[in-house]
Amino acid sequence: MFLQGKTILVTGGTGSFGKKFVQAVLQSHDPKKVIVFSRDELKQSEFAQQITDDRIRFFIGDVRDVDRIKRACHDVDIIVHAAAMKQVPAAEYNPFECIKTNILGAQNVIEAALSCGVERIIALSTDKAANPINLYGATKLCSDKLFVAGNAYSGGKGPRMAAVRYGNVVGSRGSVVPFFLSMRQTGRLPITDSRMTRFWITLDQGVDFVIDSLRHMHGGELFVPKIPSADIMTLAKAIAPECRTEVVGIRPGEKLHEMMIGEDDARRTMDVGEYFVVQPDFPWWDDGKLQGGTRVREGFSYRSDTNERRLSCEEVRALLQRLGLL
C-alpha cells in the first residue's frame, strides 16, 4: 500500500475532511503515524475521544506560524494541507484574516516542507478558485499557484507538490444541506437564486480522490474529479418537498454557477478517465508524464450548469439517505 509505513501530517485535521481522511488512512492504509495539526484544542480533544489509535498524534498550531509548522514537520513524509478559512461571507468581511491563513499559511507549509525533507504535499483547493469572484476563491487560487510553483523551489530533489480541486461536500459544516434540514420545520426554505447550480461530492469520495492523487502525482498537477451537479431547486425539493421556497438573493461574493476548469486552462488540461489533470505551465514539466490521458477540446470548460452529469431529485434524495442525512 502506498501510505504504508509513512508519517502523514494533516493540517486542518479536525475539520470535516481532515477527520474523515485521518480515519480512512488509519483504518485502511497502515501508516506509521498520522499527525493532526490544528489550532482548536477543543476539537482536538473531542476527536481524540472519538478515535483510539496509538498511531495518531495531536499537534496544536496554526499554519500562520511557520516555526510551529516546521516543528510539526519533523520526520514527516507526506503533508495533506486542508487548513483554510473557507466561509465566503466571512472572508469577504475579514479579508486580512483570510489572506493570512489561505495564502501566507500555504507559503509557510511549503517553506516547512522544503526545510524538513518532506516527500510529497497535496493541497485542497476549491471550485471557487477557478475564475474567482470572491476573496476566498482568490486566496485559494493564489494557494494553488504557490503549490504548483513550489516544485521549482524544490528543484526535483525536495518535496513534490500538487493540488486537488473539487466542489461542495455534501453535508459538510456550514453547507446548504444541513441549513435546509434545519429550516424544514419552519415550512420555508430561503433560496438565493432558483437557477443556481453546484458541483457535489461526498466526504468519502473526496478522501479517496486525495489518496489516489497522492499516489499518481509527479508534482505540479491540479487534479479535478468528474463529479455530478445539482441545481438548488432540485436540492430543496429532495430535502423538503412540503416547504415553500422564497428567493432572497445571492450573497456577497457568491456565484450563480461554479467552474472547476476554465477555457484558459483547457490547453493544458488532460482527460484521464475518471478525472482531469491541469498540467503546470512551466518548462520543467514533461507532457509525457501523464500516461493514457487525452487532451480536452479547444474551448473546453468544466462548469456546474453545463455538466453532463446532473442529479435528479430522486438521486439527490437517495444520496442524502445513504449518507444518513435524511
C-alpha atoms as a PDB file:
ATOM      1  CA  MET A   1       0.000   0.000   0.000  1.00  0.00           C
ATOM      2  CA  PHE A   2       1.233   3.464  -0.946  1.00  0.00           C
ATOM      3  CA  LEU A   3       0.856   5.051   2.516  1.00  0.00           C
ATOM      4  CA  GLN A   4       2.049   2.052   4.500  1.00  0.00           C
ATOM      5  CA  GLY A   5       4.756   2.970   6.992  1.00  0.00           C
ATOM      6  CA  LYS A   6       4.527   6.699   6.180  1.00  0.00           C
ATOM      7  CA  THR A   7       4.236   9.583   8.629  1.00  0.00           C
ATOM      8  CA  ILE A   8       1.464  11.896   7.468  1.00  0.00           C
ATOM      9  CA  LEU A   9       0.720  15.414   8.666  1.00  0.00           C
ATOM     10  CA  VAL A  10      -2.813  16.731   8.118  1.00  0.00           C
ATOM     11  CA  THR A  11      -3.262  20.479   8.531  1.00  0.00           C
ATOM     12  CA  GLY A  12      -6.827  21.359   9.428  1.00  0.00           C
ATOM     13  CA  GLY A  13      -7.016  17.827  10.765  1.00  0.00           C
ATOM     14  CA  THR A  14     -10.127  18.449  12.891  1.00  0.00           C
ATOM     15  CA  GLY A  15     -12.262  19.758  10.019  1.00  0.00           C
ATOM     16  CA  SER A  16     -14.831  17.656   8.169  1.00  0.00           C
ATOM     17  CA  PHE A  17     -12.342  16.443   5.562  1.00  0.00           C
ATOM     18  CA  GLY A  18      -9.431  16.149   7.989  1.00  0.00           C
ATOM     19  CA  LYS A  19     -11.243  13.827  10.386  1.00  0.00           C
ATOM     20  CA  LYS A  20     -12.576  11.600   7.608  1.00  0.00           C
ATOM     21  CA  PHE A  21      -9.135  11.430   5.975  1.00  0.00           C
ATOM     22  CA  VAL A  22      -7.402  10.528   9.248  1.00  0.00           C
ATOM     23  CA  GLN A  23      -9.931   7.788   9.991  1.00  0.00           C
ATOM     24  CA  ALA A  24      -9.701   6.333   6.478  1.00  0.00           C
ATOM     25  CA  VAL A  25      -5.903   6.269   6.470  1.00  0.00           C
ATOM     26  CA  LEU A  26      -5.667   4.656   9.905  1.00  0.00           C
ATOM     27  CA  GLN A  27      -8.274   2.029   9.029  1.00  0.00           C
ATOM     28  CA  SER A  28      -7.113   1.037   5.557  1.00  0.00           C
ATOM     29  CA  HIS A  29      -3.563   2.205   4.786  1.00  0.00           C
ATOM     30  CA  ASP A  30      -1.384   1.198   7.757  1.00  0.00           C
ATOM     31  CA  PRO A  31       0.636   4.417   8.215  1.00  0.00           C
ATOM     32  CA  LYS A  32       3.444   4.696  10.731  1.00  0.00           C
ATOM     33  CA  LYS A  33       1.907   7.823  12.254  1.00  0.00           C
ATOM     34  CA  VAL A  34      -0.753  10.451  11.492  1.00  0.00           C
ATOM     35  CA  ILE A  35      -0.318  13.939  12.939  1.00  0.00           C
ATOM     36  CA  VAL A  36      -3.433  16.076  13.347  1.00  0.00           C
ATOM     37  CA  PHE A  37      -2.376  19.730  13.116  1.00  0.00           C
ATOM     38  CA  SER A  38      -4.983  22.364  14.025  1.00  0.00           C
ATOM     39  CA  ARG A  39      -5.446  25.385  16.255  1.00  0.00           C
ATOM     40  CA  ASP A  40      -8.603  24.376  18.169  1.00  0.00           C
ATOM     41  CA  GLU A  41      -7.793  22.374  21.293  1.00  0.00           C
ATOM     42  CA  LEU A  42     -11.481  21.624  21.964  1.00  0.00           C
ATOM     43  CA  LYS A  43     -11.962  20.000  18.551  1.00  0.00           C
ATOM     44  CA  GLN A  44      -8.759  18.016  19.064  1.00  0.00           C
ATOM     45  CA  SER A  45      -9.987  16.832  22.465  1.00  0.00           C
ATOM     46  CA  GLU A  46     -13.350  15.786  21.014  1.00  0.00           C
ATOM     47  CA  PHE A  47     -11.663  13.987  18.111  1.00  0.00           C
ATOM     48  CA  ALA A  48      -9.316  12.180  20.495  1.00  0.00           C
ATOM     49  CA  GLN A  49     -12.348  10.811  22.328  1.00  0.00           C
ATOM     50  CA  GLN A  50     -13.841   9.528  19.072  1.00  0.00           C
ATOM     51  CA  ILE A  51     -10.760   7.681  17.870  1.00  0.00           C
ATOM     52  CA  THR A  52      -8.377   5.470  19.835  1.00  0.00           C
ATOM     53  CA  ASP A  53      -5.245   4.568  17.924  1.00  0.00           C
ATOM     54  CA  ASP A  54      -1.650   4.746  19.149  1.00  0.00           C
ATOM     55  CA  ARG A  55      -0.516   5.924  15.685  1.00  0.00           C
ATOM     56  CA  ILE A  56      -2.310   9.268  15.960  1.00  0.00           C
ATOM     57  CA  ARG A  57      -0.731  12.430  17.359  1.00  0.00           C
ATOM     58  CA  PHE A  58      -2.373  15.772  18.103  1.00  0.00           C
ATOM     59  CA  PHE A  59      -0.375  18.928  17.490  1.00  0.00           C
ATOM     60  CA  ILE A  60      -1.760  22.359  18.393  1.00  0.00           C
ATOM     61  CA  GLY A  61      -0.646  25.014  15.951  1.00  0.00           C
ATOM     62  CA  ASP A  62      -1.618  27.488  13.258  1.00  0.00           C
ATOM     63  CA  VAL A  63      -0.446  27.458   9.636  1.00  0.00           C
ATOM     64  CA  ARG A  64       0.231  31.180  10.076  1.00  0.00           C
ATOM     65  CA  ASP A  65       3.143  30.236  12.350  1.00  0.00           C
ATOM     66  CA  VAL A  66       5.967  28.917  10.156  1.00  0.00           C
ATOM     67  CA  ASP A  67       8.151  27.871  13.112  1.00  0.00           C
ATOM     68  CA  ARG A  68       5.355  25.761  14.551  1.00  0.00           C
ATOM     69  CA  ILE A  69       4.739  24.122  11.174  1.00  0.00           C
ATOM     70  CA  LYS A  70       8.443  23.312  10.868  1.00  0.00           C
ATOM     71  CA  ARG A  71       8.392  21.696  14.300  1.00  0.00           C
ATOM     72  CA  ALA A  72       5.367  19.607  13.312  1.00  0.00           C
ATOM     73  CA  CYS A  73       7.051  18.514  10.046  1.00  0.00           C
ATOM     74  CA  HIS A  74       9.934  16.740  11.781  1.00  0.00           C
ATOM     75  CA  ASP A  75      10.313  13.281  10.163  1.00  0.00           C
ATOM     76  CA  VAL A  76       7.092  13.754   8.165  1.00  0.00           C
ATOM     77  CA  ASP A  77       6.851  12.017   4.766  1.00  0.00           C
ATOM     78  CA  ILE A  78       3.566  13.413   3.439  1.00  0.00           C
ATOM     79  CA  ILE A  79       1.536  16.572   4.104  1.00  0.00           C
ATOM     80  CA  VAL A  80      -2.151  16.897   3.298  1.00  0.00           C
ATOM     81  CA  HIS A  81      -2.901  20.614   3.525  1.00  0.00           C
ATOM     82  CA  ALA A  82      -6.589  21.021   4.377  1.00  0.00           C
ATOM     83  CA  ALA A  83      -6.411  24.028   6.713  1.00  0.00           C
ATOM     84  CA  ALA A  84      -8.256  27.053   5.341  1.00  0.00           C
ATOM     85  CA  MET A  85     -10.633  29.847   6.117  1.00  0.00           C
ATOM     86  CA  LYS A  86     -13.424  28.841   3.721  1.00  0.00           C
ATOM     87  CA  GLN A  87     -16.699  30.588   4.522  1.00  0.00           C
ATOM     88  CA  VAL A  88     -17.313  33.032   1.659  1.00  0.00           C
ATOM     89  CA  PRO A  89     -19.170  35.756   3.625  1.00  0.00           C
ATOM     90  CA  ALA A  90     -16.671  35.595   6.497  1.00  0.00           C
ATOM     91  CA  ALA A  91     -13.793  36.010   4.047  1.00  0.00           C
ATOM     92  CA  GLU A  92     -15.478  38.996   2.386  1.00  0.00           C
ATOM     93  CA  TYR A  93     -15.816  40.808   5.720  1.00  0.00           C
ATOM     94  CA  ASN A  94     -12.476  39.662   7.192  1.00  0.00           C
ATOM     95  CA  PRO A  95     -10.120  39.806   4.187  1.00  0.00           C
ATOM     96  CA  PHE A  96      -6.870  40.245   6.131  1.00  0.00           C
ATOM     97  CA  GLU A  97      -7.564  37.095   8.151  1.00  0.00           C
ATOM     98  CA  CYS A  98      -8.417  35.081   5.045  1.00  0.00           C
ATOM     99  CA  ILE A  99      -5.182  36.122   3.316  1.00  0.00           C
ATOM    100  CA  LYS A 100      -3.083  35.273   6.378  1.00  0.00           C
ATOM    101  CA  THR A 101      -4.490  31.761   6.580  1.00  0.00           C
ATOM    102  CA  ASN A 102      -5.050  30.783   2.957  1.00  0.00           C
ATOM    103  CA  ILE A 103      -2.074  32.442   1.241  1.00  0.00           C
ATOM    104  CA  LEU A 104       0.598  33.057   3.866  1.00  0.00           C
ATOM    105  CA  GLY A 105      -0.362  29.782   5.551  1.00  0.00           C
ATOM    106  CA  ALA A 106       0.190  27.924   2.262  1.00  0.00           C
ATOM    107  CA  GLN A 107       3.596  29.578   1.876  1.00  0.00           C
ATOM    108  CA  ASN A 108       4.508  28.544   5.410  1.00  0.00           C
ATOM    109  CA  VAL A 109       3.579  24.919   4.723  1.00  0.00           C
ATOM    110  CA  ILE A 110       5.770  24.950   1.609  1.00  0.00           C
ATOM    111  CA  GLU A 111       8.686  26.575   3.476  1.00  0.00           C
ATOM    112  CA  ALA A 112       8.416  23.990   6.245  1.00  0.00           C
ATOM    113  CA  ALA A 113       8.280  21.092   3.789  1.00  0.00           C
ATOM    114  CA  LEU A 114      11.345  22.371   1.935  1.00  0.00           C
ATOM    115  CA  SER A 115      13.256  22.722   5.210  1.00  0.00           C
ATOM    116  CA  CYS A 116      12.269  19.353   6.657  1.00  0.00           C
ATOM    117  CA  GLY A 117      12.675  16.971   3.722  1.00  0.00           C
ATOM    118  CA  VAL A 118       9.008  16.088   3.233  1.00  0.00           C
ATOM    119  CA  GLU A 119       8.415  13.788   0.239  1.00  0.00           C
ATOM    120  CA  ARG A 120       5.022  14.933  -1.014  1.00  0.00           C
ATOM    121  CA  ILE A 121       2.397  17.594  -0.350  1.00  0.00           C
ATOM    122  CA  ILE A 122      -1.113  17.752  -1.683  1.00  0.00           C
ATOM    123  CA  ALA A 123      -3.260  20.806  -1.023  1.00  0.00           C
ATOM    124  CA  LEU A 124      -7.043  21.001  -1.080  1.00  0.00           C
ATOM    125  CA  SER A 125      -8.393  23.646  -3.421  1.00  0.00           C
ATOM    126  CA  THR A 126     -11.963  24.569  -4.382  1.00  0.00           C
ATOM    127  CA  ASP A 127     -14.131  25.159  -7.427  1.00  0.00           C
ATOM    128  CA  LYS A 128     -14.284  28.785  -6.307  1.00  0.00           C
ATOM    129  CA  ALA A 129     -10.599  29.171  -7.258  1.00  0.00           C
ATOM    130  CA  ALA A 130     -11.434  28.958 -10.986  1.00  0.00           C
ATOM    131  CA  ASN A 131     -12.159  32.458 -12.302  1.00  0.00           C
ATOM    132  CA  PRO A 132     -12.711  33.679  -8.730  1.00  0.00           C
ATOM    133  CA  ILE A 133     -15.121  36.489  -7.900  1.00  0.00           C
ATOM    134  CA  ASN A 134     -14.813  36.285  -4.116  1.00  0.00           C
ATOM    135  CA  LEU A 135     -11.842  36.632  -1.803  1.00  0.00           C
ATOM    136  CA  TYR A 136     -11.964  33.020  -0.661  1.00  0.00           C
ATOM    137  CA  GLY A 137     -11.645  31.807  -4.268  1.00  0.00           C
ATOM    138  CA  ALA A 138      -8.900  34.336  -4.991  1.00  0.00           C
ATOM    139  CA  THR A 139      -6.852  33.236  -1.983  1.00  0.00           C
ATOM    140  CA  LYS A 140      -7.234  29.578  -2.922  1.00  0.00           C
ATOM    141  CA  LEU A 141      -6.129  30.360  -6.482  1.00  0.00           C
ATOM    142  CA  CYS A 142      -3.021  32.005  -5.003  1.00  0.00           C
ATOM    143  CA  SER A 143      -2.508  28.924  -2.847  1.00  0.00           C
ATOM    144  CA  ASP A 144      -2.775  26.654  -5.907  1.00  0.00           C
ATOM    145  CA  LYS A 145      -0.179  28.761  -7.717  1.00  0.00           C
ATOM    146  CA  LEU A 146       2.165  28.562  -4.731  1.00  0.00           C
ATOM    147  CA  PHE A 147       1.991  24.773  -4.558  1.00  0.00           C
ATOM    148  CA  VAL A 148       2.497  24.365  -8.309  1.00  0.00           C
ATOM    149  CA  ALA A 149       5.448  26.774  -8.390  1.00  0.00           C
ATOM    150  CA  GLY A 150       6.833  25.201  -5.222  1.00  0.00           C
ATOM    151  CA  ASN A 151       8.115  22.332  -7.347  1.00  0.00           C
ATOM    152  CA  ALA A 152      10.595  24.739  -8.939  1.00  0.00           C
ATOM    153  CA  TYR A 153      11.878  25.681  -5.471  1.00  0.00           C
ATOM    154  CA  SER A 154      12.441  22.025  -4.627  1.00  0.00           C
ATOM    155  CA  GLY A 155      14.437  21.583  -7.838  1.00  0.00           C
ATOM    156  CA  GLY A 156      13.437  17.954  -8.311  1.00  0.00           C
ATOM    157  CA  LYS A 157      15.221  16.975  -5.093  1.00  0.00           C
ATOM    158  CA  GLY A 158      12.752  18.191  -2.491  1.00  0.00           C
ATOM    159  CA  PRO A 159       9.053  17.578  -1.991  1.00  0.00           C
ATOM    160  CA  ARG A 160       6.657  17.064  -4.861  1.00  0.00           C
ATOM    161  CA  MET A 161       3.655  19.369  -4.597  1.00  0.00           C
ATOM    162  CA  ALA A 162       0.217  19.240  -6.206  1.00  0.00           C
ATOM    163  CA  ALA A 163      -3.360  20.350  -5.553  1.00  0.00           C
ATOM    164  CA  VAL A 164      -6.806  18.787  -5.689  1.00  0.00           C
ATOM    165  CA  ARG A 165      -9.820  20.873  -6.713  1.00  0.00           C
ATOM    166  CA  TYR A 166     -13.386  19.691  -6.169  1.00  0.00           C
ATOM    167  CA  GLY A 167     -16.862  21.056  -5.455  1.00  0.00           C
ATOM    168  CA  ASN A 168     -19.180  21.319  -2.478  1.00  0.00           C
ATOM    169  CA  VAL A 169     -19.038  18.472   0.025  1.00  0.00           C
ATOM    170  CA  VAL A 170     -22.491  17.044   0.724  1.00  0.00           C
ATOM    171  CA  GLY A 171     -23.495  17.725   4.322  1.00  0.00           C
ATOM    172  CA  SER A 172     -20.262  19.433   5.401  1.00  0.00           C
ATOM    173  CA  ARG A 173     -20.386  22.006   8.172  1.00  0.00           C
ATOM    174  CA  GLY A 174     -21.822  25.332   7.052  1.00  0.00           C
ATOM    175  CA  SER A 175     -23.129  23.950   3.745  1.00  0.00           C
ATOM    176  CA  VAL A 176     -26.649  24.255   2.366  1.00  0.00           C
ATOM    177  CA  VAL A 177     -27.801  20.699   3.170  1.00  0.00           C
ATOM    178  CA  PRO A 178     -27.704  20.994   6.991  1.00  0.00           C
ATOM    179  CA  PHE A 179     -29.114  24.521   6.650  1.00  0.00           C
ATOM    180  CA  PHE A 180     -32.117  23.293   4.641  1.00  0.00           C
ATOM    181  CA  LEU A 181     -32.619  20.441   7.096  1.00  0.00           C
ATOM    182  CA  SER A 182     -32.711  22.906   9.987  1.00  0.00           C
ATOM    183  CA  MET A 183     -35.259  25.071   8.155  1.00  0.00           C
ATOM    184  CA  ARG A 184     -37.737  22.305   7.324  1.00  0.00           C
ATOM    185  CA  GLN A 185     -39.726  22.817  10.490  1.00  0.00           C
ATOM    186  CA  THR A 186     -40.399  26.450   9.559  1.00  0.00           C
ATOM    187  CA  GLY A 187     -42.140  25.447   6.335  1.00  0.00           C
ATOM    188  CA  ARG A 188     -39.947  27.882   4.363  1.00  0.00           C
ATOM    189  CA  LEU A 189     -36.635  27.450   2.522  1.00  0.00           C
ATOM    190  CA  PRO A 190     -34.727  30.617   1.559  1.00  0.00           C
ATOM    191  CA  ILE A 191     -33.286  30.275  -1.960  1.00  0.00           C
ATOM    192  CA  THR A 192     -30.544  32.613  -3.155  1.00  0.00           C
ATOM    193  CA  ASP A 193     -31.410  32.149  -6.842  1.00  0.00           C
ATOM    194  CA  SER A 194     -33.585  29.446  -8.398  1.00  0.00           C
ATOM    195  CA  ARG A 195     -31.106  28.978 -11.296  1.00  0.00           C
ATOM    196  CA  MET A 196     -28.115  28.276  -9.046  1.00  0.00           C
ATOM    197  CA  THR A 197     -26.116  25.071  -9.623  1.00  0.00           C
ATOM    198  CA  ARG A 198     -23.254  23.454  -7.738  1.00  0.00           C
ATOM    199  CA  PHE A 199     -20.887  20.503  -8.067  1.00  0.00           C
ATOM    200  CA  TRP A 200     -21.398  17.856  -5.366  1.00  0.00           C
ATOM    201  CA  ILE A 201     -19.040  15.294  -3.848  1.00  0.00           C
ATOM    202  CA  THR A 202     -19.225  13.174  -0.701  1.00  0.00           C
ATOM    203  CA  LEU A 203     -16.558  13.223   2.000  1.00  0.00           C
ATOM    204  CA  ASP A 204     -15.651   9.606   1.249  1.00  0.00           C
ATOM    205  CA  GLN A 205     -15.214  10.416  -2.437  1.00  0.00           C
ATOM    206  CA  GLY A 206     -13.076  13.434  -1.568  1.00  0.00           C
ATOM    207  CA  VAL A 207     -10.811  11.389   0.710  1.00  0.00           C
ATOM    208  CA  ASP A 208     -10.427   8.606  -1.868  1.00  0.00           C
ATOM    209  CA  PHE A 209      -9.619  11.145  -4.577  1.00  0.00           C
ATOM    210  CA  VAL A 210      -6.955  12.845  -2.465  1.00  0.00           C
ATOM    211  CA  ILE A 211      -5.291   9.499  -1.683  1.00  0.00           C
ATOM    212  CA  ASP A 212      -5.426   8.488  -5.346  1.00  0.00           C
ATOM    213  CA  SER A 213      -3.957  11.844  -6.399  1.00  0.00           C
ATOM    214  CA  LEU A 214      -1.151  11.465  -3.858  1.00  0.00           C
ATOM    215  CA  ARG A 215      -0.337   8.110  -5.398  1.00  0.00           C
ATOM    216  CA  HIS A 216      -0.237   9.343  -9.009  1.00  0.00           C
ATOM    217  CA  MET A 217       1.198  12.859  -8.655  1.00  0.00           C
ATOM    218  CA  HIS A 218       4.521  13.822 -10.214  1.00  0.00           C
ATOM    219  CA  GLY A 219       4.472  17.361  -8.838  1.00  0.00           C
ATOM    220  CA  GLY A 220       2.784  20.450 -10.267  1.00  0.00           C
ATOM    221  CA  GLU A 221      -0.582  18.979 -11.247  1.00  0.00           C
ATOM    222  CA  LEU A 222      -4.050  20.214 -10.403  1.00  0.00           C
ATOM    223  CA  PHE A 223      -6.353  17.189 -10.098  1.00  0.00           C
ATOM    224  CA  VAL A 224     -10.086  17.653 -10.778  1.00  0.00           C
ATOM    225  CA  PRO A 225     -12.563  14.766 -10.316  1.00  0.00           C
ATOM    226  CA  LYS A 226     -15.539  14.183 -12.600  1.00  0.00           C
ATOM    227  CA  ILE A 227     -18.500  14.644 -10.261  1.00  0.00           C
ATOM    228  CA  PRO A 228     -22.214  15.411 -10.696  1.00  0.00           C
ATOM    229  CA  SER A 229     -24.013  18.738 -10.398  1.00  0.00           C
ATOM    230  CA  ALA A 230     -27.393  19.653  -8.966  1.00  0.00           C
ATOM    231  CA  ASP A 231     -29.443  22.814  -9.029  1.00  0.00           C
ATOM    232  CA  ILE A 232     -30.704  24.440  -5.850  1.00  0.00           C
ATOM    233  CA  MET A 233     -34.398  23.819  -6.575  1.00  0.00           C
ATOM    234  CA  THR A 234     -33.793  20.089  -7.055  1.00  0.00           C
ATOM    235  CA  LEU A 235     -31.945  20.032  -3.752  1.00  0.00           C
ATOM    236  CA  ALA A 236     -34.756  21.894  -1.988  1.00  0.00           C
ATOM    237  CA  LYS A 237     -37.397  19.551  -3.396  1.00  0.00           C
ATOM    238  CA  ALA A 238     -35.383  16.479  -2.362  1.00  0.00           C
ATOM    239  CA  ILE A 239     -34.907  17.686   1.214  1.00  0.00           C
ATOM    240  CA  ALA A 240     -38.224  19.382   1.960  1.00  0.00           C
ATOM    241  CA  PRO A 241     -40.846  18.980  -0.784  1.00  0.00           C
ATOM    242  CA  GLU A 242     -43.525  20.224   1.591  1.00  0.00           C
ATOM    243  CA  CYS A 243     -41.828  23.599   2.145  1.00  0.00           C
ATOM    244  CA  ARG A 244     -42.416  26.742   0.128  1.00  0.00           C
ATOM    245  CA  THR A 245     -39.348  28.443  -1.308  1.00  0.00           C
ATOM    246  CA  GLU A 246     -38.550  32.145  -1.107  1.00  0.00           C
ATOM    247  CA  VAL A 247     -35.878  33.818  -3.249  1.00  0.00           C
ATOM    248  CA  VAL A 248     -33.689  36.018  -1.024  1.00  0.00           C
ATOM    249  CA  GLY A 249     -30.881  36.976  -3.438  1.00  0.00           C
ATOM    250  CA  ILE A 250     -27.263  35.966  -3.916  1.00  0.00           C
ATOM    251  CA  ARG A 251     -24.936  36.688  -1.010  1.00  0.00           C
ATOM    252  CA  PRO A 252     -21.791  38.838  -1.340  1.00  0.00           C
ATOM    253  CA  GLY A 253     -19.094  37.011  -3.300  1.00  0.00           C
ATOM    254  CA  GLU A 254     -21.375  34.171  -4.401  1.00  0.00           C
ATOM    255  CA  LYS A 255     -21.525  32.785  -7.953  1.00  0.00           C
ATOM    256  CA  LEU A 256     -24.628  31.670  -9.820  1.00  0.00           C
ATOM    257  CA  HIS A 257     -22.757  28.653 -11.196  1.00  0.00           C
ATOM    258  CA  GLU A 258     -19.405  27.137 -10.278  1.00  0.00           C
ATOM    259  CA  MET A 259     -16.466  26.262 -12.501  1.00  0.00           C
ATOM    260  CA  MET A 260     -13.551  23.921 -11.890  1.00  0.00           C
ATOM    261  CA  ILE A 261     -11.691  24.287 -15.195  1.00  0.00           C
ATOM    262  CA  GLY A 262     -11.923  27.433 -17.311  1.00  0.00           C
ATOM    263  CA  GLU A 263     -11.338  27.814 -21.036  1.00  0.00           C
ATOM    264  CA  ASP A 264      -7.924  29.369 -20.461  1.00  0.00           C
ATOM    265  CA  ASP A 265      -6.779  26.229 -18.636  1.00  0.00           C
ATOM    266  CA  ALA A 266      -8.162  23.897 -21.320  1.00  0.00           C
ATOM    267  CA  ARG A 267      -4.997  23.961 -23.434  1.00  0.00           C
ATOM    268  CA  ARG A 268      -3.111  22.398 -20.519  1.00  0.00           C
ATOM    269  CA  THR A 269      -5.857  20.008 -19.390  1.00  0.00           C
ATOM    270  CA  MET A 270      -5.830  16.243 -19.872  1.00  0.00           C
ATOM    271  CA  ASP A 271      -8.796  13.887 -19.549  1.00  0.00           C
ATOM    272  CA  VAL A 272      -7.562  10.863 -17.594  1.00  0.00           C
ATOM    273  CA  GLY A 273     -10.729   8.786 -17.373  1.00  0.00           C
ATOM    274  CA  GLU A 274     -12.373   9.467 -14.026  1.00  0.00           C
ATOM    275  CA  TYR A 275     -10.696  12.842 -13.561  1.00  0.00           C
ATOM    276  CA  PHE A 276      -8.989  15.757 -15.294  1.00  0.00           C
ATOM    277  CA  VAL A 277      -5.435  16.969 -14.771  1.00  0.00           C
ATOM    278  CA  VAL A 278      -4.465  20.588 -15.375  1.00  0.00           C
ATOM    279  CA  GLN A 279      -0.753  20.440 -16.173  1.00  0.00           C
ATOM    280  CA  PRO A 280       1.622  23.162 -14.968  1.00  0.00           C
ATOM    281  CA  ASP A 281       2.725  25.744 -17.498  1.00  0.00           C
ATOM    282  CA  PHE A 282       6.425  25.551 -16.640  1.00  0.00           C
ATOM    283  CA  PRO A 283       9.463  24.442 -18.694  1.00  0.00           C
ATOM    284  CA  TRP A 284      10.366  21.790 -16.122  1.00  0.00           C
ATOM    285  CA  TRP A 285       7.114  19.889 -16.758  1.00  0.00           C
ATOM    286  CA  ASP A 286       7.271  16.959 -19.204  1.00  0.00           C
ATOM    287  CA  ASP A 287       3.979  16.341 -21.042  1.00  0.00           C
ATOM    288  CA  GLY A 288       4.901  12.669 -21.281  1.00  0.00           C
ATOM    289  CA  LYS A 289       4.419  12.167 -17.535  1.00  0.00           C
ATOM    290  CA  LEU A 290       0.681  11.570 -17.923  1.00  0.00           C
ATOM    291  CA  GLN A 291       0.167   8.150 -19.465  1.00  0.00           C
ATOM    292  CA  GLY A 292      -3.166   7.266 -21.072  1.00  0.00           C
ATOM    293  CA  GLY A 293      -4.652  10.766 -20.964  1.00  0.00           C
ATOM    294  CA  THR A 294      -6.108  12.731 -23.872  1.00  0.00           C
ATOM    295  CA  ARG A 295      -6.199  16.482 -24.340  1.00  0.00           C
ATOM    296  CA  VAL A 296      -9.574  18.146 -23.923  1.00  0.00           C
ATOM    297  CA  ARG A 297     -11.043  20.036 -26.870  1.00  0.00           C
ATOM    298  CA  GLU A 298     -10.305  23.676 -27.587  1.00  0.00           C
ATOM    299  CA  GLY A 299     -12.580  25.980 -25.597  1.00  0.00           C
ATOM    300  CA  PHE A 300     -13.445  23.276 -23.057  1.00  0.00           C
ATOM    301  CA  SER A 301     -14.676  24.333 -19.630  1.00  0.00           C
ATOM    302  CA  TYR A 302     -15.958  22.286 -16.715  1.00  0.00           C
ATOM    303  CA  ARG A 303     -18.958  24.097 -15.231  1.00  0.00           C
ATOM    304  CA  SER A 304     -21.750  23.080 -12.890  1.00  0.00           C
ATOM    305  CA  ASP A 305     -24.505  24.391 -15.206  1.00  0.00           C
ATOM    306  CA  THR A 306     -23.252  22.634 -18.374  1.00  0.00           C
ATOM    307  CA  ASN A 307     -22.054  19.481 -16.636  1.00  0.00           C
ATOM    308  CA  GLU A 308     -23.444  16.378 -18.365  1.00  0.00           C
ATOM    309  CA  ARG A 309     -23.846  14.595 -15.025  1.00  0.00           C
ATOM    310  CA  ARG A 310     -26.873  16.225 -13.373  1.00  0.00           C
ATOM    311  CA  LEU A 311     -28.567  14.704 -10.345  1.00  0.00           C
ATOM    312  CA  SER A 312     -32.326  14.245 -10.354  1.00  0.00           C
ATOM    313  CA  CYS A 313     -34.495  14.840  -7.284  1.00  0.00           C
ATOM    314  CA  GLU A 314     -34.680  11.087  -6.669  1.00  0.00           C
ATOM    315  CA  GLU A 315     -30.906  10.724  -6.960  1.00  0.00           C
ATOM    316  CA  VAL A 316     -30.313  13.590  -4.521  1.00  0.00           C
ATOM    317  CA  ARG A 317     -32.763  12.097  -2.026  1.00  0.00           C
ATOM    318  CA  ALA A 318     -31.178   8.626  -2.350  1.00  0.00           C
ATOM    319  CA  LEU A 319     -27.711  10.121  -1.817  1.00  0.00           C
ATOM    320  CA  LEU A 320     -28.772  12.014   1.308  1.00  0.00           C
ATOM    321  CA  GLN A 321     -30.472   8.905   2.680  1.00  0.00           C
ATOM    322  CA  ARG A 322     -27.370   6.818   2.049  1.00  0.00           C
ATOM    323  CA  LEU A 323     -25.298   9.377   3.955  1.00  0.00           C
ATOM    324  CA  GLY A 324     -27.790   9.351   6.857  1.00  0.00           C
ATOM    325  CA  LEU A 325     -28.760  12.982   6.301  1.00  0.00           C
ATOM    326  CA  LEU A 326     -32.427  12.266   5.538  1.00  0.00           C
END
